[in-house]
Amino acid sequence: MIERLLGSTFPGSTELLAQLRHAAVEGGCGCGCATINLSVDQSSATPAPVISPAPVSADISDGDTYAGVVLLVDGGFLSCLEVYSIGEPVRDLPPPHAITPRPVR
């Protein structure tokens, strides 16, 4: 999912994509949704020159539920794949090809 989001071209997307090999999942949300917190080994990765702490997002079509994902960045490093919804929490992410990333411009 993160690779799909970073497949969009926006300021910092190349650096964020390179950070994935140095990233680890640090946990998730207590509500049971599919949100994951990320930690990047900052000694091995270059910070990204992003223009927003939420540089890319995408909607998730899931029947009657409005939902989406937002990739969050802190200090130029990947920090979270936030999954949000109105209604029931999204517990499983759709396949990456089912979303269309929307970078912040």
C-alpha atoms as a PDB file:
ATOM      1  CA  MET A   1       0.000   0.000   0.000  1.00  0.00           C
ATOM      2  CA  ILE A   2       2.790   2.435   0.894  1.00  0.00           C
ATOM      3  CA  GLU A   3       4.656   1.659  -2.320  1.00  0.00           C
ATOM      4  CA  ARG A   4       1.456   2.370  -4.265  1.00  0.00           C
ATOM      5  CA  LEU A   5       1.008   5.726  -2.487  1.00  0.00           C
ATOM      6  CA  LEU A   6       4.647   6.633  -3.130  1.00  0.00           C
ATOM      7  CA  GLY A   7       4.335   5.659  -6.791  1.00  0.00           C
ATOM      8  CA  SER A   8       2.870   9.136  -7.289  1.00  0.00           C
ATOM      9  CA  THR A   9       5.379  11.830  -8.088  1.00  0.00           C
ATOM     10  CA  PHE A  10       5.493  14.615  -5.522  1.00  0.00           C
ATOM     11  CA  PRO A  11       8.265  16.459  -3.673  1.00  0.00           C
ATOM     12  CA  GLY A  12      10.019  13.896  -1.476  1.00  0.00           C
ATOM     13  CA  SER A  13       8.392  10.784  -2.951  1.00  0.00           C
ATOM     14  CA  THR A  14      11.723   9.332  -4.111  1.00  0.00           C
ATOM     15  CA  GLU A  15      13.338   9.753  -0.691  1.00  0.00           C
ATOM     16  CA  LEU A  16      10.289   8.332   1.102  1.00  0.00           C
ATOM     17  CA  LEU A  17      10.275   5.316  -1.201  1.00  0.00           C
ATOM     18  CA  ALA A  18      13.967   4.724  -0.414  1.00  0.00           C
ATOM     19  CA  GLN A  19      13.142   4.887   3.319  1.00  0.00           C
ATOM     20  CA  LEU A  20      10.890   1.827   3.068  1.00  0.00           C
ATOM     21  CA  ARG A  21      13.865  -0.549   3.197  1.00  0.00           C
ATOM     22  CA  HIS A  22      14.867   1.075   6.503  1.00  0.00           C
ATOM     23  CA  ALA A  23      11.347   1.183   7.977  1.00  0.00           C
ATOM     24  CA  ALA A  24       9.725  -1.089  10.517  1.00  0.00           C
ATOM     25  CA  VAL A  25       6.198  -1.352  11.849  1.00  0.00           C
ATOM     26  CA  GLU A  26       6.117  -0.019  15.403  1.00  0.00           C
ATOM     27  CA  GLY A  27       2.538  -0.931  16.215  1.00  0.00           C
ATOM     28  CA  GLY A  28      -0.962  -0.010  15.286  1.00  0.00           C
ATOM     29  CA  CYS A  29      -4.082   1.709  16.490  1.00  0.00           C
ATOM     30  CA  GLY A  30      -5.877   0.493  19.588  1.00  0.00           C
ATOM     31  CA  CYS A  31      -9.312   0.649  17.904  1.00  0.00           C
ATOM     32  CA  GLY A  32      -8.538  -2.314  15.669  1.00  0.00           C
ATOM     33  CA  CYS A  33      -8.351  -0.396  12.393  1.00  0.00           C
ATOM     34  CA  ALA A  34      -5.592  -1.080   9.879  1.00  0.00           C
ATOM     35  CA  THR A  35      -3.488   1.995  10.857  1.00  0.00           C
ATOM     36  CA  ILE A  36       0.218   1.225  11.337  1.00  0.00           C
ATOM     37  CA  ASN A  37       2.895   3.322  12.991  1.00  0.00           C
ATOM     38  CA  LEU A  38       6.287   3.305  11.322  1.00  0.00           C
ATOM     39  CA  SER A  39       9.834   3.851  12.489  1.00  0.00           C
ATOM     40  CA  VAL A  40      12.685   4.591  10.079  1.00  0.00           C
ATOM     41  CA  ASP A  41      16.362   4.017  10.893  1.00  0.00           C
ATOM     42  CA  GLN A  42      17.343   7.647  10.413  1.00  0.00           C
ATOM     43  CA  SER A  43      21.058   6.837  10.417  1.00  0.00           C
ATOM     44  CA  SER A  44      20.537   4.819   7.209  1.00  0.00           C
ATOM     45  CA  ALA A  45      17.972   6.980   5.397  1.00  0.00           C
ATOM     46  CA  THR A  46      17.805  10.486   3.971  1.00  0.00           C
ATOM     47  CA  PRO A  47      14.988  12.791   5.108  1.00  0.00           C
ATOM     48  CA  ALA A  48      12.492  13.731   2.426  1.00  0.00           C
ATOM     49  CA  PRO A  49      11.880  17.360   1.453  1.00  0.00           C
ATOM     50  CA  VAL A  50       8.096  17.038   1.717  1.00  0.00           C
ATOM     51  CA  ILE A  51       5.796  20.063   1.522  1.00  0.00           C
ATOM     52  CA  SER A  52       3.231  18.610   3.958  1.00  0.00           C
ATOM     53  CA  PRO A  53       3.208  16.222   6.928  1.00  0.00           C
ATOM     54  CA  ALA A  54       0.530  14.336   4.939  1.00  0.00           C
ATOM     55  CA  PRO A  55       1.966  14.393   1.401  1.00  0.00           C
ATOM     56  CA  VAL A  56      -0.272  11.726  -0.171  1.00  0.00           C
ATOM     57  CA  SER A  57      -3.640  10.112   0.497  1.00  0.00           C
ATOM     58  CA  ALA A  58      -6.211   7.885  -1.201  1.00  0.00           C
ATOM     59  CA  ASP A  59      -9.873   7.004  -0.822  1.00  0.00           C
ATOM     60  CA  ILE A  60     -10.982   3.460  -0.078  1.00  0.00           C
ATOM     61  CA  SER A  61     -14.268   2.361  -1.625  1.00  0.00           C
ATOM     62  CA  ASP A  62     -15.860  -0.106   0.748  1.00  0.00           C
ATOM     63  CA  GLY A  63     -19.607  -0.330   0.205  1.00  0.00           C
ATOM     64  CA  ASP A  64     -21.446   2.117   2.458  1.00  0.00           C
ATOM     65  CA  THR A  65     -18.358   3.120   4.440  1.00  0.00           C
ATOM     66  CA  TYR A  66     -16.392   6.237   3.516  1.00  0.00           C
ATOM     67  CA  ALA A  67     -12.741   5.538   4.234  1.00  0.00           C
ATOM     68  CA  GLY A  68      -9.238   6.385   3.164  1.00  0.00           C
ATOM     69  CA  VAL A  69      -5.550   6.242   3.928  1.00  0.00           C
ATOM     70  CA  VAL A  70      -3.070   9.042   4.566  1.00  0.00           C
ATOM     71  CA  LEU A  71       0.685   8.603   4.631  1.00  0.00           C
ATOM     72  CA  LEU A  72       2.126  10.726   7.439  1.00  0.00           C
ATOM     73  CA  VAL A  73       5.678  12.060   7.627  1.00  0.00           C
ATOM     74  CA  ASP A  74       7.487  13.499  10.647  1.00  0.00           C
ATOM     75  CA  GLY A  75      10.717  15.445  10.153  1.00  0.00           C
ATOM     76  CA  GLY A  76      11.028  14.108   6.618  1.00  0.00           C
ATOM     77  CA  PHE A  77      10.678  10.452   7.687  1.00  0.00           C
ATOM     78  CA  LEU A  78       7.797   8.009   7.257  1.00  0.00           C
ATOM     79  CA  SER A  79       5.836   7.839  10.510  1.00  0.00           C
ATOM     80  CA  CYS A  80       2.361   6.390   9.936  1.00  0.00           C
ATOM     81  CA  LEU A  81      -0.073   4.919   7.455  1.00  0.00           C
ATOM     82  CA  GLU A  82      -3.285   6.329   8.909  1.00  0.00           C
ATOM     83  CA  VAL A  83      -6.523   4.569   8.001  1.00  0.00           C
ATOM     84  CA  TYR A  84      -9.665   6.596   8.634  1.00  0.00           C
ATOM     85  CA  SER A  85     -13.358   5.951   8.153  1.00  0.00           C
ATOM     86  CA  ILE A  86     -16.793   7.279   8.853  1.00  0.00           C
ATOM     87  CA  GLY A  87     -18.698   4.358  10.258  1.00  0.00           C
ATOM     88  CA  GLU A  88     -17.128   1.026  11.038  1.00  0.00           C
ATOM     89  CA  PRO A  89     -13.306   0.925  11.249  1.00  0.00           C
ATOM     90  CA  VAL A  90     -11.488  -0.433   8.208  1.00  0.00           C
ATOM     91  CA  ARG A  91      -9.744  -3.515   9.572  1.00  0.00           C
ATOM     92  CA  ASP A  92      -8.214  -4.773   6.331  1.00  0.00           C
ATOM     93  CA  LEU A  93      -6.676  -2.668   3.604  1.00  0.00           C
ATOM     94  CA  PRO A  94      -7.831  -3.244   0.050  1.00  0.00           C
ATOM     95  CA  PRO A  95      -5.301  -4.438  -2.516  1.00  0.00           C
ATOM     96  CA  PRO A  96      -2.991  -1.575  -3.527  1.00  0.00           C
ATOM     97  CA  HIS A  97      -4.287  -1.517  -7.124  1.00  0.00           C
ATOM     98  CA  ALA A  98      -7.751  -0.626  -5.768  1.00  0.00           C
ATOM     99  CA  ILE A  99      -6.712   2.873  -4.642  1.00  0.00           C
ATOM    100  CA  THR A 100      -5.803   6.028  -6.548  1.00  0.00           C
ATOM    101  CA  PRO A 101      -3.185   8.124  -4.737  1.00  0.00           C
ATOM    102  CA  ARG A 102      -3.739  11.890  -4.447  1.00  0.00           C
ATOM    103  CA  PRO A 103      -0.542  13.793  -3.683  1.00  0.00           C
ATOM    104  CA  VAL A 104      -0.705  17.234  -2.033  1.00  0.00           C
ATOM    105  CA  ARG A 105       0.227  19.863  -4.562  1.00  0.00           C
END
